[in-house]
PDB file of N, CA and C in Angstrom:
ATOM      1  N   GLY A   1      -9.584 -27.513   4.902  1.00  0.00           N
ATOM      2  CA  GLY A   1      -8.320 -27.541   4.156  1.00  0.00           C
ATOM      3  C   GLY A   1      -7.250 -26.749   4.876  1.00  0.00           C
ATOM      4  N   PRO A   2      -6.044 -26.739   4.323  1.00  0.00           N
ATOM      5  CA  PRO A   2      -4.952 -25.993   4.958  1.00  0.00           C
ATOM      6  C   PRO A   2      -5.210 -24.491   4.880  1.00  0.00           C
ATOM      7  N   ALA A   3      -4.731 -23.782   5.843  1.00  0.00           N
ATOM      8  CA  ALA A   3      -4.923 -22.331   5.842  1.00  0.00           C
ATOM      9  C   ALA A   3      -4.152 -21.725   4.676  1.00  0.00           C
ATOM     10  N   SER A   4      -4.746 -20.728   4.046  1.00  0.00           N
ATOM     11  CA  SER A   4      -4.048 -20.088   2.939  1.00  0.00           C
ATOM     12  C   SER A   4      -2.951 -19.203   3.496  1.00  0.00           C
ATOM     13  N   PRO A   5      -1.915 -18.931   2.704  1.00  0.00           N
ATOM     14  CA  PRO A   5      -0.813 -18.077   3.175  1.00  0.00           C
ATOM     15  C   PRO A   5      -1.302 -16.718   3.660  1.00  0.00           C
ATOM     16  N   GLU A   6      -2.416 -16.255   3.086  1.00  0.00           N
ATOM     17  CA  GLU A   6      -2.958 -14.957   3.477  1.00  0.00           C
ATOM     18  C   GLU A   6      -3.301 -14.926   4.961  1.00  0.00           C
ATOM     19  N   ARG A   7      -3.721 -16.076   5.467  1.00  0.00           N
ATOM     20  CA  ARG A   7      -4.179 -16.128   6.853  1.00  0.00           C
ATOM     21  C   ARG A   7      -3.054 -16.538   7.795  1.00  0.00           C
ATOM     22  N   ALA A   8      -1.920 -15.883   7.685  1.00  0.00           N
ATOM     23  CA  ALA A   8      -0.801 -16.213   8.569  1.00  0.00           C
ATOM     24  C   ALA A   8      -1.187 -15.861   9.996  1.00  0.00           C
ATOM     25  N   GLU A   9      -0.756 -16.716  10.916  1.00  0.00           N
ATOM     26  CA  GLU A   9      -1.126 -16.511  12.318  1.00  0.00           C
ATOM     27  C   GLU A   9      -0.551 -15.204  12.846  1.00  0.00           C
ATOM     28  N   ALA A  10       0.748 -15.039  12.722  1.00  0.00           N
ATOM     29  CA  ALA A  10       1.385 -13.829  13.247  1.00  0.00           C
ATOM     30  C   ALA A  10       1.233 -12.696  12.248  1.00  0.00           C
ATOM     31  N   ALA A  11       0.809 -11.546  12.739  1.00  0.00           N
ATOM     32  CA  ALA A  11       0.579 -10.414  11.843  1.00  0.00           C
ATOM     33  C   ALA A  11       1.865 -10.007  11.143  1.00  0.00           C
ATOM     34  N   ASP A  12       2.998 -10.276  11.779  1.00  0.00           N
ATOM     35  CA  ASP A  12       4.256  -9.838  11.183  1.00  0.00           C
ATOM     36  C   ASP A  12       4.843 -10.875  10.238  1.00  0.00           C
ATOM     37  N   MET A  13       4.202 -12.009  10.093  1.00  0.00           N
ATOM     38  CA  MET A  13       4.741 -13.019   9.182  1.00  0.00           C
ATOM     39  C   MET A  13       3.674 -13.456   8.212  1.00  0.00           C
ATOM     40  N   LEU A  14       3.898 -13.108   6.973  1.00  0.00           N
ATOM     41  CA  LEU A  14       2.954 -13.439   5.916  1.00  0.00           C
ATOM     42  C   LEU A  14       3.793 -14.107   4.840  1.00  0.00           C
ATOM     43  N   TYR A  15       3.153 -14.834   3.932  1.00  0.00           N
ATOM     44  CA  TYR A  15       3.908 -15.468   2.855  1.00  0.00           C
ATOM     45  C   TYR A  15       3.310 -15.063   1.526  1.00  0.00           C
ATOM     46  N   ASP A  16       4.169 -14.934   0.529  1.00  0.00           N
ATOM     47  CA  ASP A  16       3.637 -14.576  -0.782  1.00  0.00           C
ATOM     48  C   ASP A  16       3.175 -15.846  -1.487  1.00  0.00           C
ATOM     49  N   GLY A  17       2.738 -15.693  -2.731  1.00  0.00           N
ATOM     50  CA  GLY A  17       2.202 -16.830  -3.466  1.00  0.00           C
ATOM     51  C   GLY A  17       3.187 -17.980  -3.607  1.00  0.00           C
ATOM     52  N   ALA A  18       4.497 -17.658  -3.585  1.00  0.00           N
ATOM     53  CA  ALA A  18       5.514 -18.692  -3.742  1.00  0.00           C
ATOM     54  C   ALA A  18       5.964 -19.238  -2.385  1.00  0.00           C
ATOM     55  N   GLY A  19       5.288 -18.789  -1.323  1.00  0.00           N
ATOM     56  CA  GLY A  19       5.628 -19.299  -0.001  1.00  0.00           C
ATOM     57  C   GLY A  19       6.837 -18.631   0.632  1.00  0.00           C
ATOM     58  N   ARG A  20       7.273 -17.506   0.041  1.00  0.00           N
ATOM     59  CA  ARG A  20       8.406 -16.801   0.641  1.00  0.00           C
ATOM     60  C   ARG A  20       7.903 -15.907   1.769  1.00  0.00           C
ATOM     61  N   PRO A  21       8.644 -15.855   2.871  1.00  0.00           N
ATOM     62  CA  PRO A  21       8.185 -15.024   3.985  1.00  0.00           C
ATOM     63  C   PRO A  21       8.178 -13.549   3.618  1.00  0.00           C
ATOM     64  N   MET A  22       7.174 -12.835   4.137  1.00  0.00           N
ATOM     65  CA  MET A  22       7.064 -11.402   3.895  1.00  0.00           C
ATOM     66  C   MET A  22       7.223 -10.674   5.225  1.00  0.00           C
ATOM     67  N   VAL A  23       7.805  -9.493   5.182  1.00  0.00           N
ATOM     68  CA  VAL A  23       8.004  -8.725   6.398  1.00  0.00           C
ATOM     69  C   VAL A  23       7.432  -7.319   6.225  1.00  0.00           C
ATOM     70  N   THR A  24       7.127  -6.685   7.335  1.00  0.00           N
ATOM     71  CA  THR A  24       6.569  -5.336   7.333  1.00  0.00           C
ATOM     72  C   THR A  24       7.659  -4.320   7.053  1.00  0.00           C
ATOM     73  N   VAL A  25       7.410  -3.415   6.106  1.00  0.00           N
ATOM     74  CA  VAL A  25       8.375  -2.346   5.857  1.00  0.00           C
ATOM     75  C   VAL A  25       7.788  -0.980   6.184  1.00  0.00           C
ATOM     76  N   HIS A  26       6.462  -0.916   6.361  1.00  0.00           N
ATOM     77  CA  HIS A  26       5.850   0.381   6.641  1.00  0.00           C
ATOM     78  C   HIS A  26       4.533   0.140   7.353  1.00  0.00           C
ATOM     79  N   VAL A  27       4.254   0.942   8.378  1.00  0.00           N
ATOM     80  CA  VAL A  27       2.988   0.826   9.093  1.00  0.00           C
ATOM     81  C   VAL A  27       2.202   2.114   8.895  1.00  0.00           C
ATOM     82  N   CYS A  28       0.952   1.977   8.487  1.00  0.00           N
ATOM     83  CA  CYS A  28       0.104   3.131   8.211  1.00  0.00           C
ATOM     84  C   CYS A  28      -1.103   3.063   9.137  1.00  0.00           C
ATOM     85  N   TRP A  29      -1.837   4.161   9.158  1.00  0.00           N
ATOM     86  CA  TRP A  29      -3.082   4.160   9.931  1.00  0.00           C
ATOM     87  C   TRP A  29      -4.302   4.129   9.030  1.00  0.00           C
ATOM     88  N   SER A  30      -4.110   4.112   7.730  1.00  0.00           N
ATOM     89  CA  SER A  30      -5.279   4.012   6.858  1.00  0.00           C
ATOM     90  C   SER A  30      -4.927   3.244   5.589  1.00  0.00           C
ATOM     91  N   ASP A  31      -5.936   2.639   4.994  1.00  0.00           N
ATOM     92  CA  ASP A  31      -5.739   1.907   3.745  1.00  0.00           C
ATOM     93  C   ASP A  31      -5.270   2.842   2.642  1.00  0.00           C
ATOM     94  N   GLY A  32      -5.763   4.093   2.688  1.00  0.00           N
ATOM     95  CA  GLY A  32      -5.390   5.047   1.645  1.00  0.00           C
ATOM     96  C   GLY A  32      -3.894   5.314   1.653  1.00  0.00           C
ATOM     97  N   GLU A  33      -3.357   5.526   2.866  1.00  0.00           N
ATOM     98  CA  GLU A  33      -1.920   5.762   2.974  1.00  0.00           C
ATOM     99  C   GLU A  33      -1.147   4.520   2.518  1.00  0.00           C
ATOM    100  N   ALA A  34      -1.633   3.354   2.924  1.00  0.00           N
ATOM    101  CA  ALA A  34      -0.972   2.109   2.541  1.00  0.00           C
ATOM    102  C   ALA A  34      -0.968   1.953   1.018  1.00  0.00           C
ATOM    103  N   ALA A  35      -2.081   2.321   0.387  1.00  0.00           N
ATOM    104  CA  ALA A  35      -2.179   2.181  -1.065  1.00  0.00           C
ATOM    105  C   ALA A  35      -1.151   3.065  -1.770  1.00  0.00           C
ATOM    106  N   ILE A  36      -0.916   4.262  -1.213  1.00  0.00           N
ATOM    107  CA  ILE A  36       0.067   5.175  -1.807  1.00  0.00           C
ATOM    108  C   ILE A  36       1.470   4.585  -1.678  1.00  0.00           C
ATOM    109  N   VAL A  37       1.772   4.062  -0.501  1.00  0.00           N
ATOM    110  CA  VAL A  37       3.084   3.453  -0.263  1.00  0.00           C
ATOM    111  C   VAL A  37       3.287   2.261  -1.201  1.00  0.00           C
ATOM    112  N   MET A  38       2.237   1.438  -1.344  1.00  0.00           N
ATOM    113  CA  MET A  38       2.337   0.259  -2.195  1.00  0.00           C
ATOM    114  C   MET A  38       2.538   0.641  -3.658  1.00  0.00           C
ATOM    115  N   ALA A  39       1.828   1.689  -4.091  1.00  0.00           N
ATOM    116  CA  ALA A  39       1.978   2.134  -5.476  1.00  0.00           C
ATOM    117  C   ALA A  39       3.401   2.618  -5.718  1.00  0.00           C
ATOM    118  N   TYR A  40       3.958   3.295  -4.715  1.00  0.00           N
ATOM    119  CA  TYR A  40       5.325   3.792  -4.864  1.00  0.00           C
ATOM    120  C   TYR A  40       6.307   2.622  -4.943  1.00  0.00           C
ATOM    121  N   LEU A  41       6.141   1.643  -4.060  1.00  0.00           N
ATOM    122  CA  LEU A  41       7.029   0.476  -4.090  1.00  0.00           C
ATOM    123  C   LEU A  41       6.927  -0.221  -5.443  1.00  0.00           C
ATOM    124  N   GLU A  42       5.699  -0.351  -5.948  1.00  0.00           N
ATOM    125  CA  GLU A  42       5.502  -1.012  -7.227  1.00  0.00           C
ATOM    126  C   GLU A  42       6.212  -0.258  -8.343  1.00  0.00           C
ATOM    127  N   SER A  43       6.192   1.086  -8.256  1.00  0.00           N
ATOM    128  CA  SER A  43       6.870   1.883  -9.277  1.00  0.00           C
ATOM    129  C   SER A  43       8.378   1.647  -9.238  1.00  0.00           C
ATOM    130  N   GLN A  44       8.869   1.172  -8.095  1.00  0.00           N
ATOM    131  CA  GLN A  44      10.290   0.851  -7.949  1.00  0.00           C
ATOM    132  C   GLN A  44      10.553  -0.634  -8.218  1.00  0.00           C
ATOM    133  N   GLY A  45       9.526  -1.333  -8.682  1.00  0.00           N
ATOM    134  CA  GLY A  45       9.685  -2.746  -9.006  1.00  0.00           C
ATOM    135  C   GLY A  45       9.650  -3.669  -7.805  1.00  0.00           C
ATOM    136  N   ILE A  46       9.080  -3.191  -6.702  1.00  0.00           N
ATOM    137  CA  ILE A  46       8.998  -4.023  -5.497  1.00  0.00           C
ATOM    138  C   ILE A  46       7.537  -4.369  -5.248  1.00  0.00           C
ATOM    139  N   GLU A  47       7.253  -5.669  -5.226  1.00  0.00           N
ATOM    140  CA  GLU A  47       5.888  -6.119  -4.986  1.00  0.00           C
ATOM    141  C   GLU A  47       5.580  -6.001  -3.510  1.00  0.00           C
ATOM    142  N   SER A  48       4.380  -5.552  -3.173  1.00  0.00           N
ATOM    143  CA  SER A  48       4.040  -5.460  -1.766  1.00  0.00           C
ATOM    144  C   SER A  48       2.613  -5.932  -1.548  1.00  0.00           C
ATOM    145  N   ARG A  49       2.272  -6.089  -0.291  1.00  0.00           N
ATOM    146  CA  ARG A  49       0.937  -6.541   0.059  1.00  0.00           C
ATOM    147  C   ARG A  49       0.500  -5.790   1.311  1.00  0.00           C
ATOM    148  N   MET A  50      -0.783  -5.536   1.411  1.00  0.00           N
ATOM    149  CA  MET A  50      -1.317  -4.865   2.579  1.00  0.00           C
ATOM    150  C   MET A  50      -1.815  -5.917   3.557  1.00  0.00           C
ATOM    151  N   ASN A  51      -1.465  -5.766   4.810  1.00  0.00           N
ATOM    152  CA  ASN A  51      -1.968  -6.661   5.841  1.00  0.00           C
ATOM    153  C   ASN A  51      -2.635  -5.802   6.893  1.00  0.00           C
ATOM    154  N   SER A  52      -3.954  -5.821   6.887  1.00  0.00           N
ATOM    155  CA  SER A  52      -4.692  -4.938   7.774  1.00  0.00           C
ATOM    156  C   SER A  52      -5.263  -5.703   8.945  1.00  0.00           C
ATOM    157  N   GLU A  53      -5.107  -5.139  10.139  1.00  0.00           N
ATOM    158  CA  GLU A  53      -5.694  -5.757  11.332  1.00  0.00           C
ATOM    159  C   GLU A  53      -7.093  -5.217  11.578  1.00  0.00           C
ATOM    160  N   VAL A  54      -7.503  -4.283  10.751  1.00  0.00           N
ATOM    161  CA  VAL A  54      -8.757  -3.599  11.023  1.00  0.00           C
ATOM    162  C   VAL A  54      -9.924  -4.338  10.413  1.00  0.00           C
ATOM    163  N   PRO A  55     -10.970  -4.570  11.194  1.00  0.00           N
ATOM    164  CA  PRO A  55     -12.167  -5.183  10.608  1.00  0.00           C
ATOM    165  C   PRO A  55     -12.875  -4.162   9.724  1.00  0.00           C
ATOM    166  N   HIS A  56     -12.688  -4.304   8.420  1.00  0.00           N
ATOM    167  CA  HIS A  56     -13.205  -3.293   7.507  1.00  0.00           C
ATOM    168  C   HIS A  56     -14.720  -3.263   7.438  1.00  0.00           C
ATOM    169  N   THR A  57     -15.338  -4.321   7.902  1.00  0.00           N
ATOM    170  CA  THR A  57     -16.796  -4.317   7.881  1.00  0.00           C
ATOM    171  C   THR A  57     -17.320  -3.317   8.903  1.00  0.00           C
ATOM    172  N   VAL A  58     -16.503  -3.030   9.923  1.00  0.00           N
ATOM    173  CA  VAL A  58     -16.942  -2.140  10.985  1.00  0.00           C
ATOM    174  C   VAL A  58     -16.533  -0.699  10.709  1.00  0.00           C
ATOM    175  N   LEU A  59     -15.300  -0.523  10.280  1.00  0.00           N
ATOM    176  CA  LEU A  59     -14.785   0.831  10.088  1.00  0.00           C
ATOM    177  C   LEU A  59     -14.315   1.041   8.662  1.00  0.00           C
ATOM    178  N   PRO A  60     -14.707   2.154   8.068  1.00  0.00           N
ATOM    179  CA  PRO A  60     -14.218   2.454   6.720  1.00  0.00           C
ATOM    180  C   PRO A  60     -12.743   2.842   6.763  1.00  0.00           C
ATOM    181  N   LEU A  61     -12.298   3.393   7.880  1.00  0.00           N
ATOM    182  CA  LEU A  61     -10.911   3.829   8.004  1.00  0.00           C
ATOM    183  C   LEU A  61     -10.337   3.330   9.303  1.00  0.00           C
ATOM    184  N   THR A  62      -9.047   3.199   9.332  1.00  0.00           N
ATOM    185  CA  THR A  62      -8.385   2.815  10.560  1.00  0.00           C
ATOM    186  C   THR A  62      -8.333   4.017  11.473  1.00  0.00           C
ATOM    187  N   VAL A  63      -8.558   3.804  12.733  1.00  0.00           N
ATOM    188  CA  VAL A  63      -8.468   4.888  13.691  1.00  0.00           C
ATOM    189  C   VAL A  63      -7.304   4.599  14.617  1.00  0.00           C
ATOM    190  N   ASP A  64      -6.517   5.611  14.874  1.00  0.00           N
ATOM    191  CA  ASP A  64      -5.327   5.450  15.698  1.00  0.00           C
ATOM    192  C   ASP A  64      -5.643   4.619  16.935  1.00  0.00           C
ATOM    193  N   GLY A  65      -4.872   3.565  17.140  1.00  0.00           N
ATOM    194  CA  GLY A  65      -5.053   2.748  18.326  1.00  0.00           C
ATOM    195  C   GLY A  65      -5.968   1.557  18.118  1.00  0.00           C
ATOM    196  N   LEU A  66      -6.740   1.552  17.041  1.00  0.00           N
ATOM    197  CA  LEU A  66      -7.669   0.447  16.826  1.00  0.00           C
ATOM    198  C   LEU A  66      -7.097  -0.623  15.916  1.00  0.00           C
ATOM    199  N   GLY A  67      -5.929  -0.377  15.415  1.00  0.00           N
ATOM    200  CA  GLY A  67      -5.348  -1.352  14.503  1.00  0.00           C
ATOM    201  C   GLY A  67      -4.487  -0.627  13.514  1.00  0.00           C
ATOM    202  N   GLU A  68      -3.688  -1.375  12.804  1.00  0.00           N
ATOM    203  CA  GLU A  68      -2.826  -0.713  11.848  1.00  0.00           C
ATOM    204  C   GLU A  68      -2.826  -1.476  10.547  1.00  0.00           C
ATOM    205  N   VAL A  69      -2.403  -0.779   9.512  1.00  0.00           N
ATOM    206  CA  VAL A  69      -2.319  -1.391   8.201  1.00  0.00           C
ATOM    207  C   VAL A  69      -0.841  -1.511   7.880  1.00  0.00           C
ATOM    208  N   ARG A  70      -0.387  -2.735   7.694  1.00  0.00           N
ATOM    209  CA  ARG A  70       1.027  -2.942   7.429  1.00  0.00           C
ATOM    210  C   ARG A  70       1.262  -3.178   5.947  1.00  0.00           C
ATOM    211  N   VAL A  71       2.281  -2.526   5.422  1.00  0.00           N
ATOM    212  CA  VAL A  71       2.697  -2.792   4.053  1.00  0.00           C
ATOM    213  C   VAL A  71       3.850  -3.778   4.144  1.00  0.00           C
ATOM    214  N   MET A  72       3.678  -4.930   3.497  1.00  0.00           N
ATOM    215  CA  MET A  72       4.651  -6.010   3.619  1.00  0.00           C
ATOM    216  C   MET A  72       5.257  -6.346   2.262  1.00  0.00           C
ATOM    217  N   VAL A  73       6.528  -6.726   2.280  1.00  0.00           N
ATOM    218  CA  VAL A  73       7.206  -7.164   1.059  1.00  0.00           C
ATOM    219  C   VAL A  73       7.927  -8.468   1.366  1.00  0.00           C
ATOM    220  N   VAL A  74       8.300  -9.169   0.313  1.00  0.00           N
ATOM    221  CA  VAL A  74       9.084 -10.389   0.487  1.00  0.00           C
ATOM    222  C   VAL A  74      10.379 -10.031   1.203  1.00  0.00           C
ATOM    223  N   GLU A  75      10.774 -10.885   2.127  1.00  0.00           N
ATOM    224  CA  GLU A  75      11.910 -10.603   2.997  1.00  0.00           C
ATOM    225  C   GLU A  75      13.146 -10.135   2.235  1.00  0.00           C
ATOM    226  N   GLU A  76      13.414 -10.775   1.091  1.00  0.00           N
ATOM    227  CA  GLU A  76      14.634 -10.413   0.360  1.00  0.00           C
ATOM    228  C   GLU A  76      14.554  -9.013  -0.251  1.00  0.00           C
ATOM    229  N   ASP A  77      13.350  -8.458  -0.376  1.00  0.00           N
ATOM    230  CA  ASP A  77      13.200  -7.097  -0.907  1.00  0.00           C
ATOM    231  C   ASP A  77      13.145  -6.046   0.205  1.00  0.00           C
ATOM    232  N   ALA A  78      13.121  -6.505   1.469  1.00  0.00           N
ATOM    233  CA  ALA A  78      12.823  -5.603   2.578  1.00  0.00           C
ATOM    234  C   ALA A  78      13.826  -4.461   2.701  1.00  0.00           C
ATOM    235  N   ASP A  79      15.111  -4.758   2.605  1.00  0.00           N
ATOM    236  CA  ASP A  79      16.118  -3.701   2.771  1.00  0.00           C
ATOM    237  C   ASP A  79      15.962  -2.639   1.697  1.00  0.00           C
ATOM    238  N   ARG A  80      15.761  -3.098   0.457  1.00  0.00           N
ATOM    239  CA  ARG A  80      15.630  -2.158  -0.650  1.00  0.00           C
ATOM    240  C   ARG A  80      14.340  -1.341  -0.498  1.00  0.00           C
ATOM    241  N   ALA A  81      13.278  -2.000  -0.060  1.00  0.00           N
ATOM    242  CA  ALA A  81      12.004  -1.310   0.120  1.00  0.00           C
ATOM    243  C   ALA A  81      12.137  -0.221   1.181  1.00  0.00           C
ATOM    244  N   ARG A  82      12.784  -0.560   2.294  1.00  0.00           N
ATOM    245  CA  ARG A  82      12.956   0.433   3.360  1.00  0.00           C
ATOM    246  C   ARG A  82      13.797   1.595   2.855  1.00  0.00           C
ATOM    247  N   GLN A  83      14.810   1.270   2.058  1.00  0.00           N
ATOM    248  CA  GLN A  83      15.689   2.304   1.510  1.00  0.00           C
ATOM    249  C   GLN A  83      14.916   3.261   0.598  1.00  0.00           C
ATOM    250  N   VAL A  84      14.119   2.737  -0.328  1.00  0.00           N
ATOM    251  CA  VAL A  84      13.408   3.632  -1.248  1.00  0.00           C
ATOM    252  C   VAL A  84      12.353   4.442  -0.501  1.00  0.00           C
ATOM    253  N   LEU A  85      11.754   3.867   0.545  1.00  0.00           N
ATOM    254  CA  LEU A  85      10.769   4.621   1.319  1.00  0.00           C
ATOM    255  C   LEU A  85      11.449   5.744   2.102  1.00  0.00           C
ATOM    256  N   ARG A  86      12.642   5.468   2.622  1.00  0.00           N
ATOM    257  CA  ARG A  86      13.405   6.505   3.326  1.00  0.00           C
ATOM    258  C   ARG A  86      13.738   7.647   2.382  1.00  0.00           C
ATOM    259  N   GLU A  87      14.197   7.287   1.174  1.00  0.00           N
ATOM    260  CA  GLU A  87      14.560   8.315   0.188  1.00  0.00           C
ATOM    261  C   GLU A  87      13.338   9.141  -0.191  1.00  0.00           C
ATOM    262  N   ARG A  88      12.199   8.462  -0.324  1.00  0.00           N
ATOM    263  CA  ARG A  88      10.971   9.161  -0.690  1.00  0.00           C
ATOM    264  C   ARG A  88      10.582  10.153   0.406  1.00  0.00           C
ATOM    265  N   GLN A  89      10.716   9.743   1.652  1.00  0.00           N
ATOM    266  CA  GLN A  89      10.382  10.630   2.767  1.00  0.00           C
ATOM    267  C   GLN A  89      11.296  11.846   2.776  1.00  0.00           C
ATOM    268  N   GLU A  90      12.570  11.622   2.512  1.00  0.00           N
ATOM    269  CA  GLU A  90      13.517  12.729   2.506  1.00  0.00           C
ATOM    270  C   GLU A  90      13.191  13.697   1.377  1.00  0.00           C
ATOM    271  N   GLU A  91      12.843  13.165   0.215  1.00  0.00           N
ATOM    272  CA  GLU A  91      12.467  14.028  -0.905  1.00  0.00           C
ATOM    273  C   GLU A  91      11.237  14.848  -0.553  1.00  0.00           C
ATOM    274  N   ALA A  92      10.270  14.203   0.088  1.00  0.00           N
ATOM    275  CA  ALA A  92       9.038  14.904   0.461  1.00  0.00           C
ATOM    276  C   ALA A  92       9.365  16.027   1.439  1.00  0.00           C
ATOM    277  N   ARG A  93      10.244  15.763   2.380  1.00  0.00           N
ATOM    278  CA  ARG A  93      10.635  16.802   3.340  1.00  0.00           C
ATOM    279  C   ARG A  93      11.312  17.965   2.628  1.00  0.00           C
ATOM    280  N   ASN A  94      12.180  17.639   1.676  1.00  0.00           N
ATOM    281  CA  ASN A  94      12.883  18.694   0.947  1.00  0.00           C
ATOM    282  C   ASN A  94      11.912  19.565   0.156  1.00  0.00           C
ATOM    283  N   GLU A  95      10.910  18.935  -0.432  1.00  0.00           N
ATOM    284  CA  GLU A  95       9.931  19.691  -1.208  1.00  0.00           C
ATOM    285  C   GLU A  95       9.139  20.634  -0.313  1.00  0.00           C
ATOM    286  N   ASP A  96       8.934  20.233   0.925  1.00  0.00           N
ATOM    287  CA  ASP A  96       8.191  21.085   1.860  1.00  0.00           C
ATOM    288  C   ASP A  96       9.019  22.289   2.299  1.00  0.00           C
ATOM    289  N   GLY A  97      10.315  22.252   2.052  1.00  0.00           N
ATOM    290  CA  GLY A  97      11.168  23.373   2.393  1.00  0.00           C
ATOM    291  C   GLY A  97      11.423  23.478   3.885  1.00  0.00           C
ATOM    292  N   ASP A  98      11.289  22.338   4.590  1.00  0.00           N
ATOM    293  CA  ASP A  98      11.511  22.379   6.031  1.00  0.00           C
ATOM    294  C   ASP A  98      12.997  22.302   6.390  1.00  0.00           C
ATOM    295  N   GLU A  99      13.799  21.980   5.411  1.00  0.00           N
ATOM    296  CA  GLU A  99      15.217  21.798   5.693  1.00  0.00           C
ATOM    297  C   GLU A  99      15.876  23.118   6.066  1.00  0.00           C
ATOM    298  N   GLU A 100      16.848  23.048   6.975  1.00  0.00           N
ATOM    299  CA  GLU A 100      17.567  24.225   7.406  1.00  0.00           C
ATOM    300  C   GLU A 100      18.268  24.915   6.222  1.00  0.00           C
ATOM    301  N   ASP A 101      18.813  24.072   5.337  1.00  0.00           N
ATOM    302  CA  ASP A 101      19.599  24.630   4.238  1.00  0.00           C
ATOM    303  C   ASP A 101      18.778  24.841   2.965  1.00  0.00           C
ATOM    304  N   ALA A 102      17.465  24.917   3.131  1.00  0.00           N
ATOM    305  CA  ALA A 102      16.635  25.133   1.943  1.00  0.00           C
ATOM    306  C   ALA A 102      16.941  26.495   1.355  1.00  0.00           C
ATOM    307  N   PRO A 103      17.103  26.555   0.020  1.00  0.00           N
ATOM    308  CA  PRO A 103      17.407  27.847  -0.623  1.00  0.00           C
ATOM    309  C   PRO A 103      16.202  28.780  -0.535  1.00  0.00           C
ATOM    310  N   GLY A 104      16.438  30.050  -0.716  1.00  0.00           N
ATOM    311  CA  GLY A 104      15.330  30.991  -0.779  1.00  0.00           C
ATOM    312  C   GLY A 104      15.198  31.768   0.520  1.00  0.00           C
ATOM    313  N   PRO A 105      14.436  32.843   0.491  1.00  0.00           N
ATOM    314  CA  PRO A 105      14.269  33.689   1.676  1.00  0.00           C
ATOM    315  C   PRO A 105      13.508  32.971   2.768  1.00  0.00           C
ATOM    316  N   ARG A 106      13.752  33.315   3.986  1.00  0.00           N
ATOM    317  CA  ARG A 106      13.039  32.735   5.124  1.00  0.00           C
ATOM    318  C   ARG A 106      11.762  33.525   5.376  1.00  0.00           C
TER     319      ARG A 106
END
């Protein structure tokens, strides 16, 4: 039969259930990290999908250089997804107090 959308030839091009193209918005090195990113996107109302190049039967976790786990969203959501992920990263940095202008004693 025809290949399912899940089995897109190019790793960077996947299609959702409605046949809309999906694009990568975040690359992780482990499924766990990808799951956190996906949960965050979902909390923002953005549907995402994990596309892993790693043969999970061989490795429980992705190892740097052996493959990557891509978090993909429908193309029309990509800009918004990248934006919310950027904001999340900035918030995380601020919480760590790494910012030059962080209040409090050094």
